[in-house]
Amino acid sequence: MCKQFKIGITTDINNRAVSDDYWLGGYDYMVVLYRTQSKQRVIDMEQYLIKRFKKYKECKNIRPGGEGKLKWGPPYYAYLAMKIE
């Protein structure tokens, strides 16, 4: 069962999965939800997913999405990071 999750975007899914705020923050699993060549589409997807799932107490996103820096790309990825019980 998922006890916490965060939705985010990145251009480097492998590096993001092992970054300090996820790996050292106790997140166990990361899955790609969406992949695109369009920076605007991945931002739109992140905002949609956060808005859709923010109502759940397990969702730990604070901001509405789209404010993260995408250093490289395409491709762009929307992901779900989870802490599992």
PDB file of N, CA and C in Angstrom:
ATOM      1  N   MET A   1       0.835  -1.183   0.000  1.00  0.00           N
ATOM      2  CA  MET A   1       0.000   0.000   0.000  1.00  0.00           C
ATOM      3  C   MET A   1       0.881   1.247   0.000  1.00  0.00           C
ATOM      4  N   CYS A   2       0.459   2.253  -0.734  1.00  0.00           N
ATOM      5  CA  CYS A   2       1.207   3.504  -0.830  1.00  0.00           C
ATOM      6  C   CYS A   2       0.824   4.412   0.346  1.00  0.00           C
ATOM      7  N   LYS A   3       1.828   4.802   1.138  1.00  0.00           N
ATOM      8  CA  LYS A   3       1.529   5.681   2.276  1.00  0.00           C
ATOM      9  C   LYS A   3       1.767   7.153   1.959  1.00  0.00           C
ATOM     10  N   GLN A   4       2.590   7.443   0.953  1.00  0.00           N
ATOM     11  CA  GLN A   4       2.818   8.817   0.495  1.00  0.00           C
ATOM     12  C   GLN A   4       3.232   8.782  -0.963  1.00  0.00           C
ATOM     13  N   PHE A   5       2.920   9.860  -1.683  1.00  0.00           N
ATOM     14  CA  PHE A   5       3.386   9.960  -3.058  1.00  0.00           C
ATOM     15  C   PHE A   5       3.562  11.410  -3.466  1.00  0.00           C
ATOM     16  N   LYS A   6       4.385  11.599  -4.479  1.00  0.00           N
ATOM     17  CA  LYS A   6       4.610  12.899  -5.098  1.00  0.00           C
ATOM     18  C   LYS A   6       4.601  12.734  -6.603  1.00  0.00           C
ATOM     19  N   ILE A   7       4.078  13.727  -7.281  1.00  0.00           N
ATOM     20  CA  ILE A   7       4.046  13.783  -8.729  1.00  0.00           C
ATOM     21  C   ILE A   7       5.053  14.839  -9.158  1.00  0.00           C
ATOM     22  N   GLY A   8       5.830  14.554 -10.190  1.00  0.00           N
ATOM     23  CA  GLY A   8       6.818  15.520 -10.636  1.00  0.00           C
ATOM     24  C   GLY A   8       7.157  15.347 -12.107  1.00  0.00           C
ATOM     25  N   ILE A   9       8.072  16.197 -12.575  1.00  0.00           N
ATOM     26  CA  ILE A   9       8.549  16.125 -13.957  1.00  0.00           C
ATOM     27  C   ILE A   9      10.067  16.201 -13.967  1.00  0.00           C
ATOM     28  N   THR A  10      10.653  15.625 -15.007  1.00  0.00           N
ATOM     29  CA  THR A  10      12.105  15.615 -15.139  1.00  0.00           C
ATOM     30  C   THR A  10      12.491  15.335 -16.580  1.00  0.00           C
ATOM     31  N   THR A  11      13.748  15.536 -16.878  1.00  0.00           N
ATOM     32  CA  THR A  11      14.307  15.130 -18.169  1.00  0.00           C
ATOM     33  C   THR A  11      15.271  13.961 -17.993  1.00  0.00           C
ATOM     34  N   ASP A  12      15.607  13.628 -16.759  1.00  0.00           N
ATOM     35  CA  ASP A  12      16.557  12.548 -16.466  1.00  0.00           C
ATOM     36  C   ASP A  12      15.956  11.657 -15.379  1.00  0.00           C
ATOM     37  N   ILE A  13      15.127  10.724 -15.779  1.00  0.00           N
ATOM     38  CA  ILE A  13      14.377   9.913 -14.823  1.00  0.00           C
ATOM     39  C   ILE A  13      15.292   9.086 -13.920  1.00  0.00           C
ATOM     40  N   ASN A  14      16.382   8.551 -14.441  1.00  0.00           N
ATOM     41  CA  ASN A  14      17.277   7.729 -13.621  1.00  0.00           C
ATOM     42  C   ASN A  14      17.960   8.545 -12.534  1.00  0.00           C
ATOM     43  N   ASN A  15      18.463   9.706 -12.890  1.00  0.00           N
ATOM     44  CA  ASN A  15      19.114  10.571 -11.909  1.00  0.00           C
ATOM     45  C   ASN A  15      18.103  11.087 -10.881  1.00  0.00           C
ATOM     46  N   ARG A  16      16.920  11.416 -11.330  1.00  0.00           N
ATOM     47  CA  ARG A  16      15.884  11.932 -10.427  1.00  0.00           C
ATOM     48  C   ARG A  16      15.469  10.889  -9.404  1.00  0.00           C
ATOM     49  N   ALA A  17      15.425   9.638  -9.811  1.00  0.00           N
ATOM     50  CA  ALA A  17      14.998   8.567  -8.915  1.00  0.00           C
ATOM     51  C   ALA A  17      15.949   8.373  -7.738  1.00  0.00           C
ATOM     52  N   VAL A  18      17.215   8.674  -7.930  1.00  0.00           N
ATOM     53  CA  VAL A  18      18.188   8.469  -6.851  1.00  0.00           C
ATOM     54  C   VAL A  18      18.635   9.780  -6.213  1.00  0.00           C
ATOM     55  N   SER A  19      17.960  10.869  -6.518  1.00  0.00           N
ATOM     56  CA  SER A  19      18.345  12.158  -5.934  1.00  0.00           C
ATOM     57  C   SER A  19      18.039  12.189  -4.446  1.00  0.00           C
ATOM     58  N   ASP A  20      18.654  13.101  -3.759  1.00  0.00           N
ATOM     59  CA  ASP A  20      18.541  13.198  -2.303  1.00  0.00           C
ATOM     60  C   ASP A  20      17.109  13.284  -1.797  1.00  0.00           C
ATOM     61  N   ASP A  21      16.273  14.062  -2.432  1.00  0.00           N
ATOM     62  CA  ASP A  21      14.932  14.268  -1.895  1.00  0.00           C
ATOM     63  C   ASP A  21      14.020  13.056  -2.063  1.00  0.00           C
ATOM     64  N   TYR A  22      14.366  12.118  -2.896  1.00  0.00           N
ATOM     65  CA  TYR A  22      13.559  10.904  -3.027  1.00  0.00           C
ATOM     66  C   TYR A  22      14.227   9.714  -2.356  1.00  0.00           C
ATOM     67  N   TRP A  23      15.375   9.324  -2.839  1.00  0.00           N
ATOM     68  CA  TRP A  23      16.056   8.152  -2.289  1.00  0.00           C
ATOM     69  C   TRP A  23      16.336   8.321  -0.797  1.00  0.00           C
ATOM     70  N   LEU A  24      16.996   9.406  -0.428  1.00  0.00           N
ATOM     71  CA  LEU A  24      17.311   9.625   0.979  1.00  0.00           C
ATOM     72  C   LEU A  24      16.082  10.060   1.778  1.00  0.00           C
ATOM     73  N   GLY A  25      15.064  10.527   1.080  1.00  0.00           N
ATOM     74  CA  GLY A  25      13.817  10.921   1.738  1.00  0.00           C
ATOM     75  C   GLY A  25      12.881   9.769   2.014  1.00  0.00           C
ATOM     76  N   GLY A  26      13.308   8.551   1.703  1.00  0.00           N
ATOM     77  CA  GLY A  26      12.515   7.377   2.040  1.00  0.00           C
ATOM     78  C   GLY A  26      11.546   6.909   0.978  1.00  0.00           C
ATOM     79  N   TYR A  27      11.629   7.485  -0.212  1.00  0.00           N
ATOM     80  CA  TYR A  27      10.751   7.022  -1.293  1.00  0.00           C
ATOM     81  C   TYR A  27      11.305   5.720  -1.847  1.00  0.00           C
ATOM     82  N   ASP A  28      10.410   4.748  -2.050  1.00  0.00           N
ATOM     83  CA  ASP A  28      10.801   3.398  -2.419  1.00  0.00           C
ATOM     84  C   ASP A  28      10.717   3.104  -3.907  1.00  0.00           C
ATOM     85  N   TYR A  29       9.872   3.814  -4.610  1.00  0.00           N
ATOM     86  CA  TYR A  29       9.532   3.403  -5.966  1.00  0.00           C
ATOM     87  C   TYR A  29       9.192   4.625  -6.800  1.00  0.00           C
ATOM     88  N   MET A  30       9.603   4.599  -8.065  1.00  0.00           N
ATOM     89  CA  MET A  30       9.251   5.673  -8.990  1.00  0.00           C
ATOM     90  C   MET A  30       8.816   5.048 -10.312  1.00  0.00           C
ATOM     91  N   VAL A  31       7.740   5.564 -10.856  1.00  0.00           N
ATOM     92  CA  VAL A  31       7.225   5.053 -12.117  1.00  0.00           C
ATOM     93  C   VAL A  31       6.959   6.219 -13.069  1.00  0.00           C
ATOM     94  N   VAL A  32       7.287   6.026 -14.339  1.00  0.00           N
ATOM     95  CA  VAL A  32       7.002   7.033 -15.357  1.00  0.00           C
ATOM     96  C   VAL A  32       5.524   6.934 -15.721  1.00  0.00           C
ATOM     97  N   LEU A  33       4.835   8.068 -15.658  1.00  0.00           N
ATOM     98  CA  LEU A  33       3.416   8.125 -16.007  1.00  0.00           C
ATOM     99  C   LEU A  33       3.188   8.632 -17.423  1.00  0.00           C
ATOM    100  N   TYR A  34       4.121   9.457 -17.900  1.00  0.00           N
ATOM    101  CA  TYR A  34       3.911  10.133 -19.181  1.00  0.00           C
ATOM    102  C   TYR A  34       5.255  10.532 -19.756  1.00  0.00           C
ATOM    103  N   ARG A  35       5.410  10.371 -21.056  1.00  0.00           N
ATOM    104  CA  ARG A  35       6.637  10.765 -21.763  1.00  0.00           C
ATOM    105  C   ARG A  35       6.228  11.539 -23.003  1.00  0.00           C
ATOM    106  N   THR A  36       6.904  12.664 -23.255  1.00  0.00           N
ATOM    107  CA  THR A  36       6.554  13.504 -24.391  1.00  0.00           C
ATOM    108  C   THR A  36       7.778  14.250 -24.892  1.00  0.00           C
ATOM    109  N   GLN A  37       7.680  14.753 -26.098  1.00  0.00           N
ATOM    110  CA  GLN A  37       8.715  15.605 -26.673  1.00  0.00           C
ATOM    111  C   GLN A  37       8.427  17.077 -26.384  1.00  0.00           C
ATOM    112  N   SER A  38       7.274  17.367 -25.822  1.00  0.00           N
ATOM    113  CA  SER A  38       6.833  18.744 -25.596  1.00  0.00           C
ATOM    114  C   SER A  38       6.973  19.154 -24.129  1.00  0.00           C
ATOM    115  N   LYS A  39       7.742  20.195 -23.914  1.00  0.00           N
ATOM    116  CA  LYS A  39       7.917  20.715 -22.559  1.00  0.00           C
ATOM    117  C   LYS A  39       6.591  21.213 -21.993  1.00  0.00           C
ATOM    118  N   GLN A  40       5.809  21.912 -22.798  1.00  0.00           N
ATOM    119  CA  GLN A  40       4.536  22.438 -22.306  1.00  0.00           C
ATOM    120  C   GLN A  40       3.552  21.309 -21.957  1.00  0.00           C
ATOM    121  N   ARG A  41       3.554  20.253 -22.746  1.00  0.00           N
ATOM    122  CA  ARG A  41       2.642  19.140 -22.463  1.00  0.00           C
ATOM    123  C   ARG A  41       2.989  18.434 -21.157  1.00  0.00           C
ATOM    124  N   VAL A  42       4.269  18.265 -20.864  1.00  0.00           N
ATOM    125  CA  VAL A  42       4.625  17.605 -19.608  1.00  0.00           C
ATOM    126  C   VAL A  42       4.287  18.500 -18.419  1.00  0.00           C
ATOM    127  N   ILE A  43       4.445  19.805 -18.575  1.00  0.00           N
ATOM    128  CA  ILE A  43       4.052  20.743 -17.515  1.00  0.00           C
ATOM    129  C   ILE A  43       2.546  20.679 -17.304  1.00  0.00           C
ATOM    130  N   ASP A  44       1.790  20.679 -18.391  1.00  0.00           N
ATOM    131  CA  ASP A  44       0.329  20.581 -18.290  1.00  0.00           C
ATOM    132  C   ASP A  44      -0.102  19.280 -17.613  1.00  0.00           C
ATOM    133  N   MET A  45       0.574  18.182 -17.957  1.00  0.00           N
ATOM    134  CA  MET A  45       0.242  16.887 -17.362  1.00  0.00           C
ATOM    135  C   MET A  45       0.528  16.884 -15.870  1.00  0.00           C
ATOM    136  N   GLU A  46       1.669  17.424 -15.462  1.00  0.00           N
ATOM    137  CA  GLU A  46       1.995  17.489 -14.038  1.00  0.00           C
ATOM    138  C   GLU A  46       0.940  18.296 -13.294  1.00  0.00           C
ATOM    139  N   GLN A  47       0.579  19.442 -13.817  1.00  0.00           N
ATOM    140  CA  GLN A  47      -0.426  20.278 -13.155  1.00  0.00           C
ATOM    141  C   GLN A  47      -1.769  19.569 -13.062  1.00  0.00           C
ATOM    142  N   TYR A  48      -2.166  18.880 -14.136  1.00  0.00           N
ATOM    143  CA  TYR A  48      -3.421  18.140 -14.123  1.00  0.00           C
ATOM    144  C   TYR A  48      -3.399  17.040 -13.053  1.00  0.00           C
ATOM    145  N   LEU A  49      -2.314  16.248 -13.029  1.00  0.00           N
ATOM    146  CA  LEU A  49      -2.232  15.140 -12.078  1.00  0.00           C
ATOM    147  C   LEU A  49      -2.218  15.621 -10.633  1.00  0.00           C
ATOM    148  N   ILE A  50      -1.475  16.685 -10.362  1.00  0.00           N
ATOM    149  CA  ILE A  50      -1.451  17.223  -8.995  1.00  0.00           C
ATOM    150  C   ILE A  50      -2.836  17.721  -8.607  1.00  0.00           C
ATOM    151  N   LYS A  51      -3.484  18.456  -9.486  1.00  0.00           N
ATOM    152  CA  LYS A  51      -4.832  18.959  -9.190  1.00  0.00           C
ATOM    153  C   LYS A  51      -5.794  17.796  -8.942  1.00  0.00           C
ATOM    154  N   ARG A  52      -5.680  16.754  -9.743  1.00  0.00           N
ATOM    155  CA  ARG A  52      -6.581  15.604  -9.646  1.00  0.00           C
ATOM    156  C   ARG A  52      -6.386  14.802  -8.363  1.00  0.00           C
ATOM    157  N   PHE A  53      -5.136  14.670  -7.894  1.00  0.00           N
ATOM    158  CA  PHE A  53      -4.844  13.796  -6.762  1.00  0.00           C
ATOM    159  C   PHE A  53      -4.500  14.534  -5.468  1.00  0.00           C
ATOM    160  N   LYS A  54      -4.478  15.849  -5.468  1.00  0.00           N
ATOM    161  CA  LYS A  54      -4.140  16.634  -4.276  1.00  0.00           C
ATOM    162  C   LYS A  54      -5.133  16.405  -3.136  1.00  0.00           C
ATOM    163  N   LYS A  55      -6.340  15.995  -3.455  1.00  0.00           N
ATOM    164  CA  LYS A  55      -7.373  15.786  -2.437  1.00  0.00           C
ATOM    165  C   LYS A  55      -7.062  14.610  -1.509  1.00  0.00           C
ATOM    166  N   TYR A  56      -6.152  13.749  -1.899  1.00  0.00           N
ATOM    167  CA  TYR A  56      -5.803  12.601  -1.074  1.00  0.00           C
ATOM    168  C   TYR A  56      -4.703  12.981  -0.088  1.00  0.00           C
ATOM    169  N   LYS A  57      -4.856  12.571   1.159  1.00  0.00           N
ATOM    170  CA  LYS A  57      -3.882  12.919   2.206  1.00  0.00           C
ATOM    171  C   LYS A  57      -2.499  12.349   1.915  1.00  0.00           C
ATOM    172  N   GLU A  58      -2.429  11.281   1.123  1.00  0.00           N
ATOM    173  CA  GLU A  58      -1.145  10.679   0.779  1.00  0.00           C
ATOM    174  C   GLU A  58      -0.339  11.518  -0.211  1.00  0.00           C
ATOM    175  N   CYS A  59      -0.989  12.438  -0.902  1.00  0.00           N
ATOM    176  CA  CYS A  59      -0.311  13.301  -1.870  1.00  0.00           C
ATOM    177  C   CYS A  59       0.478  14.379  -1.131  1.00  0.00           C
ATOM    178  N   LYS A  60       1.765  14.418  -1.343  1.00  0.00           N
ATOM    179  CA  LYS A  60       2.634  15.353  -0.627  1.00  0.00           C
ATOM    180  C   LYS A  60       3.108  16.513  -1.492  1.00  0.00           C
ATOM    181  N   ASN A  61       2.514  16.700  -2.662  1.00  0.00           N
ATOM    182  CA  ASN A  61       2.835  17.872  -3.478  1.00  0.00           C
ATOM    183  C   ASN A  61       2.299  19.118  -2.784  1.00  0.00           C
ATOM    184  N   ILE A  62       3.106  20.156  -2.741  1.00  0.00           N
ATOM    185  CA  ILE A  62       2.722  21.417  -2.113  1.00  0.00           C
ATOM    186  C   ILE A  62       2.348  22.436  -3.187  1.00  0.00           C
ATOM    187  N   ARG A  63       3.149  22.532  -4.215  1.00  0.00           N
ATOM    188  CA  ARG A  63       2.922  23.492  -5.301  1.00  0.00           C
ATOM    189  C   ARG A  63       2.019  22.885  -6.377  1.00  0.00           C
ATOM    190  N   PRO A  64       1.444  23.712  -7.234  1.00  0.00           N
ATOM    191  CA  PRO A  64       0.518  23.207  -8.253  1.00  0.00           C
ATOM    192  C   PRO A  64       1.191  22.529  -9.448  1.00  0.00           C
ATOM    193  N   GLY A  65       2.510  22.615  -9.552  1.00  0.00           N
ATOM    194  CA  GLY A  65       3.224  21.978 -10.658  1.00  0.00           C
ATOM    195  C   GLY A  65       3.614  22.966 -11.741  1.00  0.00           C
ATOM    196  N   GLY A  66       4.616  22.571 -12.527  1.00  0.00           N
ATOM    197  CA  GLY A  66       5.081  23.401 -13.630  1.00  0.00           C
ATOM    198  C   GLY A  66       6.191  24.359 -13.274  1.00  0.00           C
ATOM    199  N   GLU A  67       6.558  24.435 -12.007  1.00  0.00           N
ATOM    200  CA  GLU A  67       7.579  25.403 -11.612  1.00  0.00           C
ATOM    201  C   GLU A  67       8.984  24.808 -11.546  1.00  0.00           C
ATOM    202  N   GLY A  68       9.119  23.504 -11.732  1.00  0.00           N
ATOM    203  CA  GLY A  68      10.423  22.862 -11.695  1.00  0.00           C
ATOM    204  C   GLY A  68      11.243  23.177 -12.934  1.00  0.00           C
ATOM    205  N   LYS A  69      12.566  23.116 -12.792  1.00  0.00           N
ATOM    206  CA  LYS A  69      13.462  23.375 -13.918  1.00  0.00           C
ATOM    207  C   LYS A  69      13.696  22.083 -14.688  1.00  0.00           C
ATOM    208  N   LEU A  70      13.531  22.150 -15.991  1.00  0.00           N
ATOM    209  CA  LEU A  70      13.817  21.031 -16.873  1.00  0.00           C
ATOM    210  C   LEU A  70      15.099  21.374 -17.623  1.00  0.00           C
ATOM    211  N   LYS A  71      16.230  20.848 -17.153  1.00  0.00           N
ATOM    212  CA  LYS A  71      17.540  21.251 -17.657  1.00  0.00           C
ATOM    213  C   LYS A  71      17.838  20.761 -19.061  1.00  0.00           C
ATOM    214  N   TRP A  72      17.387  19.572 -19.386  1.00  0.00           N
ATOM    215  CA  TRP A  72      17.667  18.999 -20.695  1.00  0.00           C
ATOM    216  C   TRP A  72      16.362  18.582 -21.344  1.00  0.00           C
ATOM    217  N   GLY A  73      16.479  17.855 -22.422  1.00  0.00           N
ATOM    218  CA  GLY A  73      15.307  17.301 -23.074  1.00  0.00           C
ATOM    219  C   GLY A  73      15.120  17.893 -24.444  1.00  0.00           C
ATOM    220  N   PRO A  74      14.218  17.387 -25.165  1.00  0.00           N
ATOM    221  CA  PRO A  74      13.346  16.265 -24.848  1.00  0.00           C
ATOM    222  C   PRO A  74      14.109  14.931 -24.854  1.00  0.00           C
ATOM    223  N   PRO A  75      13.517  13.869 -24.358  1.00  0.00           N
ATOM    224  CA  PRO A  75      12.142  13.738 -23.890  1.00  0.00           C
ATOM    225  C   PRO A  75      11.962  14.269 -22.477  1.00  0.00           C
ATOM    226  N   TYR A  76      10.718  14.529 -22.149  1.00  0.00           N
ATOM    227  CA  TYR A  76      10.301  14.989 -20.824  1.00  0.00           C
ATOM    228  C   TYR A  76       9.422  13.912 -20.203  1.00  0.00           C
ATOM    229  N   TYR A  77       9.521  13.756 -18.890  1.00  0.00           N
ATOM    230  CA  TYR A  77       8.784  12.709 -18.185  1.00  0.00           C
ATOM    231  C   TYR A  77       7.971  13.287 -17.026  1.00  0.00           C
ATOM    232  N   ALA A  78       6.757  12.795 -16.863  1.00  0.00           N
ATOM    233  CA  ALA A  78       5.981  13.009 -15.647  1.00  0.00           C
ATOM    234  C   ALA A  78       6.074  11.687 -14.873  1.00  0.00           C
ATOM    235  N   TYR A  79       6.293  11.765 -13.560  1.00  0.00           N
ATOM    236  CA  TYR A  79       6.513  10.564 -12.770  1.00  0.00           C
ATOM    237  C   TYR A  79       5.726  10.596 -11.472  1.00  0.00           C
ATOM    238  N   LEU A  80       5.646   9.428 -10.863  1.00  0.00           N
ATOM    239  CA  LEU A  80       5.038   9.255  -9.548  1.00  0.00           C
ATOM    240  C   LEU A  80       6.075   8.597  -8.657  1.00  0.00           C
ATOM    241  N   ALA A  81       6.441   9.253  -7.564  1.00  0.00           N
ATOM    242  CA  ALA A  81       7.353   8.692  -6.576  1.00  0.00           C
ATOM    243  C   ALA A  81       6.523   8.274  -5.364  1.00  0.00           C
ATOM    244  N   MET A  82       6.794   7.075  -4.838  1.00  0.00           N
ATOM    245  CA  MET A  82       5.954   6.526  -3.763  1.00  0.00           C
ATOM    246  C   MET A  82       6.760   5.993  -2.594  1.00  0.00           C
ATOM    247  N   LYS A  83       6.189   6.171  -1.405  1.00  0.00           N
ATOM    248  CA  LYS A  83       6.645   5.483  -0.206  1.00  0.00           C
ATOM    249  C   LYS A  83       5.653   4.358   0.034  1.00  0.00           C
ATOM    250  N   ILE A  84       6.163   3.143   0.133  1.00  0.00           N
ATOM    251  CA  ILE A  84       5.325   1.964   0.267  1.00  0.00           C
ATOM    252  C   ILE A  84       5.377   1.461   1.718  1.00  0.00           C
ATOM    253  N   GLU A  85       4.230   1.010   2.206  1.00  0.00           N
ATOM    254  CA  GLU A  85       4.177   0.439   3.573  1.00  0.00           C
ATOM    255  C   GLU A  85       4.633  -0.993   3.552  1.00  0.00           C
TER     256      GLU A  85
END
